[in-house]
Amino acid sequence: MRHRHISDIVISATLMLMLFSGPAAAQNVGEVPDIQSPGHNSEIPSRVSRIDVTWGIPEGDPYGYFVLFNTNPGHTFDGLNPDGEYVTRRTFTSPDFAESQPDDVAYYFHIAAADGKGEIGPTVTAGPYRIDVVPPSDVGVTAPEITSSRTVTLTLTATGASEVCVSNVSHGEGGRWENLTGQTEWELSPGGGEKIVHVRFSDLAGNTADTSAVITFIAGDADGDLSLSLRDAVLVLQTMAGMETTDINPDADVNNDGKIGTEEAVYILRRISDRADE
């Protein structure tokens, strides 16, 4: 009797151990193959904040799948108490991650097939799927307030940006895109007066942020001293007469004909006269 009692205890202990250790990995289902997310590239962040995933049929006899999105690349489904969601289809869409305002956050998709007994196969992880819905911040452009040079140096700053577009027309249009390096040379539009330089910053996901600078261009400034005076008119007239003069500002050309001549002299004298009448 004593030996039977000990035997019963051993059997009971074995059953309890099996119960609390959970079911063994399913032998009837294999790893889930061919996990794809057509709308997301693991190397490039995306503004698309919901991730669609499809997958193939694993070996064995799958009845369904446990699926989960999170930021943990090492997640494994617990055979005793699996988390995530159970689905029978072979497609799944993540929650809308935009609600948490991810700024280039890497998400991972975890999946494991389950057989008819509820046993779970190996966990397979796909990703990272990088989501970024946050535009560049702290954007700025530093430029000269006044200039008589058609080409100016712009100092460009932004947090989280990789590219920048500078334009004389509008934000993101009529300009050129280039890598954000901190400074760029820019040619102002023809004519004198106030010039608006439109600057658009973009991150890798295509989120954008805009800023601008206002620059006053002094047309006809032959001596480059940022003002119009009789000296400018004299320099132009001397140049027209073939006299030797100090270096003349080539951007004093007011009609964009590539020459400094009569038009510039007339423009300068008119502006001086108008200023005197004010």
Protein backbone atom coordinates (compact mmCIF):
# COMPACT_ATOMS: atom_id res chain seq x y z
CA MET A 1 0.00 0.00 0.00
CA ARG A 2 2.82 2.33 0.85
CA HIS A 3 4.43 1.77 -2.56
CA ARG A 4 1.16 2.46 -4.38
CA HIS A 5 0.73 5.70 -2.48
CA ILE A 6 4.19 6.88 -3.52
CA SER A 7 3.45 5.91 -7.11
CA ASP A 8 0.26 7.96 -7.08
CA ILE A 9 2.18 10.96 -5.78
CA VAL A 10 4.75 10.65 -8.58
CA ILE A 11 2.03 10.42 -11.22
CA SER A 12 0.17 13.41 -9.78
CA ALA A 13 3.36 15.47 -9.67
CA THR A 14 4.12 14.60 -13.28
CA LEU A 15 0.64 15.67 -14.39
CA MET A 16 0.93 18.93 -12.48
CA LEU A 17 4.30 19.63 -14.06
CA MET A 18 2.87 19.04 -17.54
CA LEU A 19 -0.09 21.25 -16.78
CA PHE A 20 1.88 24.24 -15.56
CA SER A 21 4.62 23.97 -18.11
CA GLY A 22 2.06 24.46 -20.87
CA PRO A 23 1.64 22.51 -24.11
CA ALA A 24 4.72 21.62 -26.05
CA ALA A 25 5.47 23.32 -29.36
CA ALA A 26 3.06 22.02 -31.97
CA GLN A 27 4.44 19.26 -34.11
CA ASN A 28 1.67 19.59 -36.68
CA VAL A 29 2.53 23.11 -37.87
CA GLY A 30 5.77 24.68 -39.00
CA GLU A 31 7.07 28.21 -39.33
CA VAL A 32 4.81 30.67 -41.15
CA PRO A 33 6.46 31.44 -44.53
CA ASP A 34 6.47 34.33 -47.02
CA ILE A 35 5.52 37.21 -44.70
CA GLN A 36 5.04 40.33 -46.81
CA SER A 37 4.00 43.93 -46.32
CA PRO A 38 3.76 45.49 -49.80
CA GLY A 39 3.25 49.01 -48.52
CA HIS A 40 6.27 49.15 -46.23
CA ASN A 41 9.99 48.87 -46.80
CA SER A 42 12.02 47.80 -43.78
CA GLU A 43 14.83 50.16 -44.79
CA ILE A 44 12.81 53.36 -45.26
CA PRO A 45 10.35 54.97 -42.81
CA SER A 46 6.81 55.52 -44.04
CA ARG A 47 4.03 57.98 -43.26
CA VAL A 48 1.49 55.17 -43.77
CA SER A 49 0.62 54.47 -40.15
CA ARG A 50 -1.24 51.15 -40.61
CA ILE A 51 0.73 48.11 -41.74
CA ASP A 52 -0.92 45.44 -43.93
CA VAL A 53 0.66 41.99 -43.77
CA THR A 54 0.06 38.77 -45.69
CA TRP A 55 1.68 35.35 -45.34
CA GLY A 56 1.81 31.87 -46.79
CA ILE A 57 0.56 28.52 -45.47
CA PRO A 58 3.00 26.74 -43.14
CA GLU A 59 3.69 23.03 -43.23
CA GLY A 60 1.33 20.85 -41.27
CA ASP A 61 -2.30 21.41 -40.44
CA PRO A 62 -2.80 25.05 -39.32
CA TYR A 63 -6.22 26.01 -37.98
CA GLY A 64 -5.34 29.65 -37.30
CA TYR A 65 -2.64 32.09 -36.31
CA PHE A 66 -1.63 34.16 -33.33
CA VAL A 67 -0.49 37.61 -34.52
CA LEU A 68 0.89 40.70 -32.80
CA PHE A 69 2.55 44.03 -33.63
CA ASN A 70 4.90 45.62 -31.10
CA THR A 71 8.32 47.27 -30.82
CA ASN A 72 10.06 44.19 -29.39
CA PRO A 73 12.04 42.28 -32.06
CA GLY A 74 12.56 39.33 -29.71
CA HIS A 75 8.93 38.61 -28.83
CA THR A 76 7.91 34.92 -28.59
CA PHE A 77 4.39 33.61 -28.18
CA ASP A 78 3.86 31.78 -24.88
CA GLY A 79 2.32 28.40 -25.55
CA LEU A 80 0.47 28.45 -22.21
CA ASN A 81 -1.03 31.91 -22.47
CA PRO A 82 -0.36 33.44 -25.89
CA ASP A 83 -0.91 37.16 -26.27
CA GLY A 84 -1.84 38.96 -29.45
CA GLU A 85 -4.87 38.24 -31.61
CA TYR A 86 -6.07 34.93 -33.04
CA VAL A 87 -7.13 34.96 -36.71
CA THR A 88 -8.03 32.31 -39.24
CA ARG A 89 -7.37 34.38 -42.36
CA ARG A 90 -3.91 34.98 -43.84
CA THR A 91 -3.99 38.76 -43.72
CA PHE A 92 -3.74 41.21 -40.86
CA THR A 93 -3.69 44.99 -40.44
CA SER A 94 -1.97 46.71 -37.56
CA PRO A 95 -3.62 49.31 -35.34
CA ASP A 96 -3.27 52.91 -36.51
CA PHE A 97 0.06 53.86 -34.98
CA ALA A 98 -0.46 57.54 -35.86
CA GLU A 99 -2.32 57.96 -32.58
CA SER A 100 0.99 57.66 -30.70
CA GLN A 101 2.77 60.09 -33.09
CA PRO A 102 5.72 57.79 -33.93
CA ASP A 103 8.87 59.58 -35.04
CA ASP A 104 10.69 56.88 -37.04
CA VAL A 105 9.66 54.08 -34.66
CA ALA A 106 10.41 50.46 -35.65
CA TYR A 107 7.49 48.04 -35.34
CA TYR A 108 7.71 44.25 -35.67
CA PHE A 109 5.13 41.69 -36.73
CA HIS A 110 5.06 38.37 -34.87
CA ILE A 111 3.12 35.32 -35.99
CA ALA A 112 2.78 31.66 -35.00
CA ALA A 113 0.50 29.01 -36.47
CA ALA A 114 -1.78 26.96 -34.24
CA ASP A 115 -3.11 23.43 -34.87
CA GLY A 116 -6.48 21.96 -34.07
CA LYS A 117 -5.42 21.11 -30.51
CA GLY A 118 -4.47 24.72 -29.78
CA GLU A 119 -0.79 23.98 -29.78
CA ILE A 120 1.41 26.72 -31.18
CA GLY A 121 4.20 26.46 -33.71
CA PRO A 122 7.40 28.54 -33.85
CA THR A 123 7.17 32.31 -33.61
CA VAL A 124 8.29 34.10 -36.76
CA THR A 125 9.09 37.84 -36.68
CA ALA A 126 9.09 40.24 -39.64
CA GLY A 127 10.28 43.83 -39.77
CA PRO A 128 11.29 46.35 -38.77
CA TYR A 129 8.51 48.42 -40.30
CA ARG A 130 9.48 52.03 -39.62
CA ILE A 131 6.64 54.51 -39.10
CA ASP A 132 7.20 58.28 -39.03
CA VAL A 133 4.32 60.75 -38.99
CA VAL A 134 6.19 63.62 -37.29
CA PRO A 135 7.43 66.48 -39.53
CA PRO A 136 10.85 68.07 -39.07
CA SER A 137 11.00 70.55 -36.20
CA ASP A 138 12.97 73.67 -35.26
CA VAL A 139 13.19 74.66 -38.92
CA GLY A 140 14.98 77.86 -39.81
CA VAL A 141 16.71 79.78 -42.57
CA THR A 142 19.27 82.52 -42.02
CA ALA A 143 19.87 84.91 -44.92
CA PRO A 144 21.12 88.48 -45.42
CA GLU A 145 18.38 91.03 -44.82
CA ILE A 146 19.73 93.25 -47.60
CA THR A 147 22.07 92.48 -50.48
CA SER A 148 23.25 93.72 -53.85
CA SER A 149 24.53 90.29 -54.83
CA ARG A 150 22.11 88.10 -56.76
CA THR A 151 23.65 84.97 -55.24
CA VAL A 152 23.26 84.65 -51.47
CA THR A 153 24.31 82.11 -48.86
CA LEU A 154 21.47 80.50 -46.92
CA THR A 155 22.06 78.74 -43.61
CA LEU A 156 19.45 76.03 -43.20
CA THR A 157 18.60 74.23 -39.95
CA ALA A 158 16.04 71.58 -39.05
CA THR A 159 15.72 68.67 -36.65
CA GLY A 160 14.82 65.36 -38.27
CA ALA A 161 15.11 66.56 -41.89
CA SER A 162 17.20 64.94 -44.60
CA GLU A 163 16.37 67.10 -47.64
CA VAL A 164 15.49 70.69 -48.37
CA CYS A 165 13.85 72.49 -51.29
CA VAL A 166 14.59 76.19 -51.86
CA SER A 167 12.37 78.14 -54.23
CA ASN A 168 11.65 81.69 -55.39
CA VAL A 169 8.07 80.67 -56.25
CA SER A 170 6.43 78.74 -53.40
CA HIS A 171 7.07 76.00 -50.88
CA GLY A 172 8.09 72.79 -52.63
CA GLU A 173 7.49 74.11 -56.16
CA GLY A 174 9.69 75.75 -58.76
CA GLY A 175 12.87 75.10 -56.82
CA ARG A 176 15.42 72.37 -56.34
CA TRP A 177 15.65 69.54 -53.82
CA GLU A 178 19.03 68.73 -52.31
CA ASN A 179 20.49 66.98 -49.30
CA LEU A 180 20.41 69.08 -46.17
CA THR A 181 24.02 70.02 -45.44
CA GLY A 182 23.59 73.22 -43.47
CA GLN A 183 24.35 75.82 -46.15
CA THR A 184 23.50 76.38 -49.79
CA GLU A 185 24.08 79.06 -52.39
CA TRP A 186 20.91 80.50 -53.89
CA GLU A 187 20.19 82.89 -56.76
CA LEU A 188 17.46 85.43 -56.15
CA SER A 189 14.80 86.15 -58.74
CA PRO A 190 15.34 89.06 -61.21
CA GLY A 191 14.49 92.64 -60.32
CA GLY A 192 14.96 94.68 -57.21
CA GLY A 193 13.05 95.02 -53.96
CA GLU A 194 11.86 92.38 -51.51
CA LYS A 195 12.50 88.75 -52.43
CA ILE A 196 10.81 85.90 -50.60
CA VAL A 197 12.84 82.70 -50.43
CA HIS A 198 10.61 79.71 -49.71
CA VAL A 199 12.20 76.78 -47.88
CA ARG A 200 10.65 73.34 -47.39
CA PHE A 201 12.32 70.64 -45.29
CA SER A 202 11.53 66.93 -45.67
CA ASP A 203 12.44 63.82 -43.68
CA LEU A 204 12.97 60.32 -45.10
CA ALA A 205 9.27 59.51 -44.79
CA GLY A 206 8.22 62.61 -46.73
CA ASN A 207 6.91 64.65 -43.80
CA THR A 208 7.51 68.34 -44.50
CA ALA A 209 7.84 71.63 -42.65
CA ASP A 210 8.08 75.11 -44.19
CA THR A 211 9.74 78.41 -43.45
CA SER A 212 10.85 81.43 -45.46
CA ALA A 213 13.15 84.44 -45.53
CA VAL A 214 12.63 87.95 -46.88
CA ILE A 215 15.66 89.55 -48.55
CA THR A 216 15.80 93.07 -49.97
CA PHE A 217 17.80 93.23 -53.19
CA ILE A 218 19.35 96.61 -54.09
CA ALA A 219 19.24 96.76 -57.89
CA GLY A 220 21.75 99.02 -59.65
CA ASP A 221 24.22 99.04 -56.74
CA ALA A 222 27.32 99.37 -58.90
CA ASP A 223 29.82 99.79 -56.07
CA GLY A 224 28.22 97.11 -53.86
CA ASP A 225 27.86 99.26 -50.75
CA LEU A 226 24.16 98.32 -50.28
CA SER A 227 22.84 101.75 -51.26
CA LEU A 228 22.18 103.82 -54.39
CA SER A 229 24.07 107.08 -54.83
CA LEU A 230 25.62 109.31 -57.49
CA ARG A 231 28.79 107.24 -57.13
CA ASP A 232 26.93 104.28 -58.64
CA ALA A 233 25.80 106.39 -61.59
CA VAL A 234 29.33 107.71 -62.11
CA LEU A 235 30.79 104.18 -62.11
CA VAL A 236 28.28 103.11 -64.74
CA LEU A 237 28.96 106.16 -66.94
CA GLN A 238 32.72 105.64 -66.64
CA THR A 239 32.29 102.02 -67.68
CA MET A 240 30.22 103.08 -70.69
CA ALA A 241 32.95 105.58 -71.67
CA GLY A 242 35.61 102.88 -71.50
CA MET A 243 37.37 104.49 -68.58
CA GLU A 244 39.22 102.39 -66.05
CA THR A 245 37.17 101.99 -62.91
CA THR A 246 37.30 99.96 -59.75
CA ASP A 247 35.58 96.58 -59.89
CA ILE A 248 31.93 97.09 -60.68
CA ASN A 249 29.25 94.86 -59.24
CA PRO A 250 28.02 92.60 -62.10
CA ASP A 251 24.69 92.16 -60.31
CA ALA A 252 23.98 95.87 -60.80
CA ASP A 253 22.48 94.79 -64.14
CA VAL A 254 18.84 95.88 -63.77
CA ASN A 255 17.37 94.48 -67.01
CA ASN A 256 19.17 91.11 -67.08
CA ASP A 257 20.85 91.70 -70.43
CA GLY A 258 24.26 90.75 -69.06
CA LYS A 259 25.67 94.27 -69.47
CA ILE A 260 26.15 97.41 -67.40
CA GLY A 261 25.11 100.40 -69.48
CA THR A 262 22.50 103.01 -70.24
CA GLU A 263 19.58 101.23 -68.57
CA GLU A 264 21.49 101.00 -65.30
CA ALA A 265 22.51 104.66 -65.38
CA VAL A 266 18.92 105.78 -66.04
CA TYR A 267 17.56 103.46 -63.32
CA ILE A 268 20.03 104.76 -60.72
CA LEU A 269 19.39 108.43 -61.49
CA ARG A 270 15.61 107.93 -61.40
CA ARG A 271 15.78 106.17 -58.04
CA ILE A 272 17.95 108.94 -56.60
CA SER A 273 15.53 111.57 -57.95
CA ASP A 274 12.47 109.74 -56.57
CA ARG A 275 14.12 109.49 -53.18
CA ALA A 276 14.88 113.21 -53.19
CA ASP A 277 11.22 114.02 -53.91
CA GLU A 278 9.93 111.93 -50.98
